[in-house]
Protein backbone atom coordinates (compact mmCIF):
# COMPACT_ATOMS: atom_id res chain seq x y z
CA MET A 1 53.02 96.09 167.83
CA LYS A 2 52.55 94.12 164.60
CA PRO A 3 55.71 93.65 162.54
CA ASN A 4 55.93 95.31 159.16
CA LEU A 5 55.65 93.03 156.20
CA LEU A 6 56.15 94.12 152.56
CA LEU A 7 54.67 91.83 149.88
CA LEU A 8 56.17 92.07 146.42
CA HIS A 9 54.55 90.80 143.27
CA GLY A 10 56.16 88.98 140.37
CA ALA A 11 56.91 89.92 136.75
CA LEU A 12 53.88 91.23 134.81
CA GLY A 13 51.84 91.28 138.07
CA SER A 14 50.80 94.06 140.34
CA ALA A 15 50.04 94.83 144.01
CA LYS A 16 46.66 93.18 143.41
CA SER A 17 48.43 89.87 142.76
CA VAL A 18 49.38 89.56 146.42
CA GLN A 19 46.09 90.73 147.95
CA PRO A 20 44.86 87.15 148.84
CA LEU A 21 48.05 86.66 150.76
CA ALA A 22 47.78 90.14 152.32
CA ARG A 23 44.34 89.22 153.68
CA GLU A 24 45.74 86.06 155.27
CA LEU A 25 48.52 88.00 156.93
CA ALA A 26 46.75 91.18 157.97
CA GLN A 27 45.80 89.76 161.42
CA PHE A 28 49.48 89.13 162.21
CA CYS A 29 51.36 91.95 160.46
CA GLN A 30 51.13 95.49 159.26
CA VAL A 31 51.03 94.58 155.54
CA HIS A 32 52.43 96.81 152.83
CA THR A 33 52.22 96.46 149.07
CA PHE A 34 53.03 98.44 145.96
CA SER A 35 53.35 97.91 142.24
CA PHE A 36 56.80 98.13 140.67
CA SER A 37 57.45 100.75 137.97
CA GLY A 38 55.76 99.80 134.69
CA HIS A 39 53.33 97.47 136.45
CA GLY A 40 49.75 97.85 137.68
CA GLY A 41 49.01 100.93 135.64
CA ARG A 42 52.27 102.68 136.26
CA ALA A 43 53.92 103.96 133.06
CA VAL A 44 56.84 102.18 131.39
CA VAL A 45 59.59 104.76 131.72
CA ALA A 46 63.03 104.31 130.08
CA GLY A 47 65.62 103.58 132.70
CA GLU A 48 63.14 102.64 135.40
CA PHE A 49 62.19 99.16 134.12
CA SER A 50 65.21 97.36 135.52
CA MET A 51 65.94 95.06 138.41
CA LEU A 52 68.23 97.69 139.93
CA HIS A 53 65.46 100.29 139.85
CA PHE A 54 62.96 97.85 141.32
CA ALA A 55 65.38 97.17 144.18
CA GLN A 56 65.72 100.93 144.69
CA GLU A 57 61.93 101.31 144.73
CA ILE A 58 61.84 98.91 147.68
CA GLN A 59 64.19 101.09 149.59
CA GLN A 60 62.29 104.20 148.60
CA TYR A 61 59.03 102.68 149.92
CA ILE A 62 60.76 101.72 153.20
CA SER A 63 62.15 105.26 153.58
CA GLN A 64 58.94 107.07 152.58
CA HIS A 65 56.90 105.05 155.06
CA SER A 66 59.51 105.39 157.84
CA LEU A 67 59.87 101.62 158.32
CA GLN A 68 62.76 101.10 160.69
CA ALA A 69 62.41 97.32 160.39
CA VAL A 70 60.56 95.33 157.75
CA HIS A 71 60.23 91.71 156.71
CA VAL A 72 59.74 91.02 152.97
CA PHE A 73 58.00 88.37 150.92
CA GLY A 74 58.75 88.37 147.22
CA PHE A 75 57.06 86.21 144.62
CA SER A 76 59.31 85.37 141.60
CA MET A 77 60.79 88.60 140.36
CA GLY A 78 59.80 90.28 143.63
CA GLY A 79 62.06 87.92 145.57
CA TYR A 80 65.00 88.70 143.31
CA ALA A 81 64.43 92.45 143.74
CA ALA A 82 64.09 92.01 147.51
CA LEU A 83 67.49 90.21 147.84
CA LEU A 84 69.15 92.77 145.57
CA SER A 85 67.65 95.52 147.78
CA ALA A 86 68.99 93.95 150.96
CA LEU A 87 72.41 93.64 149.26
CA LEU A 88 72.51 97.30 148.28
CA VAL A 89 71.18 98.74 151.54
CA PRO A 90 71.69 96.41 154.49
CA GLY A 91 69.80 97.30 157.61
CA PRO A 92 66.01 97.84 157.41
CA ILE A 93 65.14 94.50 155.87
CA LYS A 94 65.20 91.90 158.61
CA SER A 95 64.15 88.72 156.72
CA ILE A 96 63.20 87.69 153.22
CA THR A 97 60.93 84.87 152.05
CA THR A 98 61.07 84.16 148.34
CA LEU A 99 58.70 81.97 146.37
CA GLY A 100 59.39 80.78 142.84
CA THR A 101 62.29 83.14 142.39
CA LYS A 102 64.48 82.39 139.38
CA PHE A 103 68.16 82.92 140.32
CA ASP A 104 69.84 81.36 137.35
CA TRP A 105 69.91 84.05 134.65
CA ASN A 106 72.19 83.46 131.68
CA PRO A 107 71.70 83.67 127.88
CA GLU A 108 70.31 80.17 127.66
CA THR A 109 67.73 80.55 130.41
CA VAL A 110 66.73 83.99 129.24
CA ALA A 111 66.19 82.74 125.72
CA ALA A 112 63.70 80.18 127.04
CA GLU A 113 61.82 82.87 129.07
CA THR A 114 61.72 85.56 126.43
CA ARG A 115 60.22 83.25 123.77
CA LEU A 116 57.10 83.60 125.81
CA LEU A 117 57.30 87.40 125.92
CA ASP A 118 56.20 88.20 122.42
CA PRO A 119 53.05 90.37 122.26
CA ALA A 120 52.10 89.14 118.78
CA LYS A 121 52.35 85.51 119.82
CA ILE A 122 50.38 86.17 123.03
CA GLN A 123 47.60 87.82 121.02
CA GLU A 124 47.57 84.93 118.57
CA LYS A 125 47.97 81.88 120.85
CA VAL A 126 46.85 82.92 124.33
CA PRO A 127 44.54 85.93 123.84
CA GLN A 128 43.03 85.37 127.27
CA PHE A 129 46.45 86.03 128.81
CA GLY A 130 46.57 89.28 126.81
CA GLU A 131 43.20 90.24 128.26
CA GLN A 132 44.47 89.52 131.73
CA LEU A 133 47.53 91.67 131.15
CA ALA A 134 45.38 94.47 129.81
CA ALA A 135 43.25 94.43 132.94
CA THR A 136 46.34 94.35 135.21
CA HIS A 137 48.24 97.18 133.61
CA ALA A 138 45.63 99.60 132.27
CA PRO A 139 45.93 102.34 131.21
CA THR A 140 49.48 101.30 130.16
CA PRO A 141 49.30 99.22 126.99
CA TRP A 142 50.22 95.71 127.98
CA PRO A 143 52.48 95.09 124.95
CA GLU A 144 54.75 97.82 126.28
CA VAL A 145 55.04 96.07 129.55
CA VAL A 146 55.75 92.72 127.97
CA THR A 147 58.40 94.14 125.65
CA ALA A 148 60.10 96.00 128.54
CA MET A 149 60.13 92.78 130.57
CA ALA A 150 61.88 90.89 127.75
CA ALA A 151 64.48 93.60 127.50
CA MET A 152 65.07 93.57 131.28
CA LEU A 153 65.57 89.79 131.32
CA ARG A 154 68.17 90.05 128.59
CA GLN A 155 69.94 92.67 130.67
CA LEU A 156 69.91 90.24 133.61
CA ALA A 157 71.57 87.58 131.44
CA GLU A 158 74.34 89.98 130.46
CA ASN A 159 75.12 91.10 134.02
CA PRO A 160 73.21 89.22 136.77
CA PRO A 161 73.59 91.10 140.09
CA LEU A 162 72.94 88.11 142.32
CA THR A 163 75.87 85.72 142.03
CA ALA A 164 77.65 83.34 144.45
CA GLU A 165 79.88 86.20 145.51
CA THR A 166 77.15 88.86 146.07
CA LEU A 167 74.65 86.47 147.67
CA ALA A 168 77.34 85.53 150.25
CA ARG A 169 77.20 89.14 151.44
CA ILE A 170 73.48 88.96 152.37
CA THR A 171 73.55 87.99 156.05
CA ILE A 172 69.88 88.23 157.05
CA PRO A 173 67.73 85.11 157.31
CA VAL A 174 66.29 84.07 153.97
CA GLN A 175 63.69 81.43 153.31
CA VAL A 176 63.70 80.06 149.72
CA LEU A 177 60.38 78.36 148.75
CA VAL A 178 60.05 76.61 145.40
CA GLY A 179 57.29 74.39 143.99
CA GLU A 180 58.21 70.88 143.10
CA LEU A 181 56.63 71.45 139.62
CA ASP A 182 58.03 74.99 139.14
CA LYS A 183 59.73 74.89 135.75
CA THR A 184 60.51 78.68 135.89
CA ALA A 185 62.58 78.79 139.10
CA GLY A 186 63.64 75.16 139.08
CA VAL A 187 64.25 73.14 142.21
CA ASP A 188 67.94 72.40 141.50
CA ALA A 189 68.80 75.99 140.75
CA SER A 190 66.88 77.27 143.78
CA GLN A 191 68.79 74.91 146.07
CA ARG A 192 72.14 75.73 144.47
CA PHE A 193 71.73 79.50 144.76
CA ALA A 194 70.24 79.30 148.30
CA GLY A 195 73.45 77.56 149.24
CA TYR A 196 75.35 80.77 148.56
CA LEU A 197 73.33 82.66 151.16
CA PRO A 198 74.95 82.43 154.64
CA HIS A 199 71.61 82.11 156.53
CA ALA A 200 69.14 80.50 154.14
CA THR A 201 66.78 77.58 154.26
CA VAL A 202 65.12 75.88 151.29
CA GLU A 203 61.79 74.15 151.16
CA VAL A 204 60.32 72.37 148.14
CA ILE A 205 56.51 72.60 148.11
CA MET A 206 55.24 69.29 146.77
CA ASN A 207 52.88 69.10 143.77
CA THR A 208 53.13 72.88 143.23
CA PRO A 209 53.80 74.77 139.97
CA HIS A 210 55.05 78.36 139.57
CA PRO A 211 51.88 80.58 139.57
CA LEU A 212 51.28 82.34 142.92
CA GLU A 213 47.55 81.59 142.67
CA ARG A 214 48.32 77.89 142.66
CA VAL A 215 49.89 78.04 146.17
CA ASN A 216 47.69 77.77 149.18
CA PRO A 217 47.74 81.27 150.77
CA ASP A 218 47.18 79.84 154.26
CA PHE A 219 50.18 77.52 153.86
CA LEU A 220 52.29 80.36 152.48
CA ALA A 221 51.29 82.77 155.26
CA GLY A 222 52.30 80.13 157.77
CA ARG A 223 55.78 79.82 156.31
CA ILE A 224 56.24 83.61 156.20
CA MET A 225 55.13 83.98 159.84
CA ALA A 226 57.39 81.14 160.99
CA LEU A 227 60.43 83.00 159.69
CA ILE A 228 59.30 86.35 161.13
CA SER A 229 58.70 84.74 164.51
CA ALA A 230 62.10 83.12 164.46
CA VAL A 231 63.83 86.39 163.70
CA ALA A 232 61.80 88.31 166.27
């Protein structure tokens, strides 16, 4: 029987974002995907656009689909939500692979990220990105999604749930992947936070920036399957 694998998208993405990777892995795993609340056409609802709620949605998906054991891949925000989910409800998640996940949330790092999350500036300076967001999140107005994301990141800075203390309580195997050129996650921060996890490995992918579409899906699928095989 194929192992269950849940693929989680990043901030401002949707389940469609991980479809190229899903196609690579479908021959090896029973692949599952979903869009987090407020993403991929789901409405932005007060109280649901938070990292805690995203982590709870992972557990809800696992429960609703009766997955007794599941491996998880999370890109960027998806990796953070996966780790928080495993922290909150140990058991069903057997391994986690993260790619480009930013662990270091504080007022300084959030200020750098939220400067980019201004709908007016996006429309003025990178309208093509606005068009991409519109297509990803329709019928939800994309400025609502961007504004909610900025608010969520500020909330993370005030009270980050993944710290040295809490990460130390996640005992499943975790594989932390980060691009050498990833200025969002950062190699140094990824290595430092991975060090807090009892059973984590870190790999720096050379000549690779942050966006998921810039990572070779065949390479990424191989890394995910290597961890799943090791756990099995």
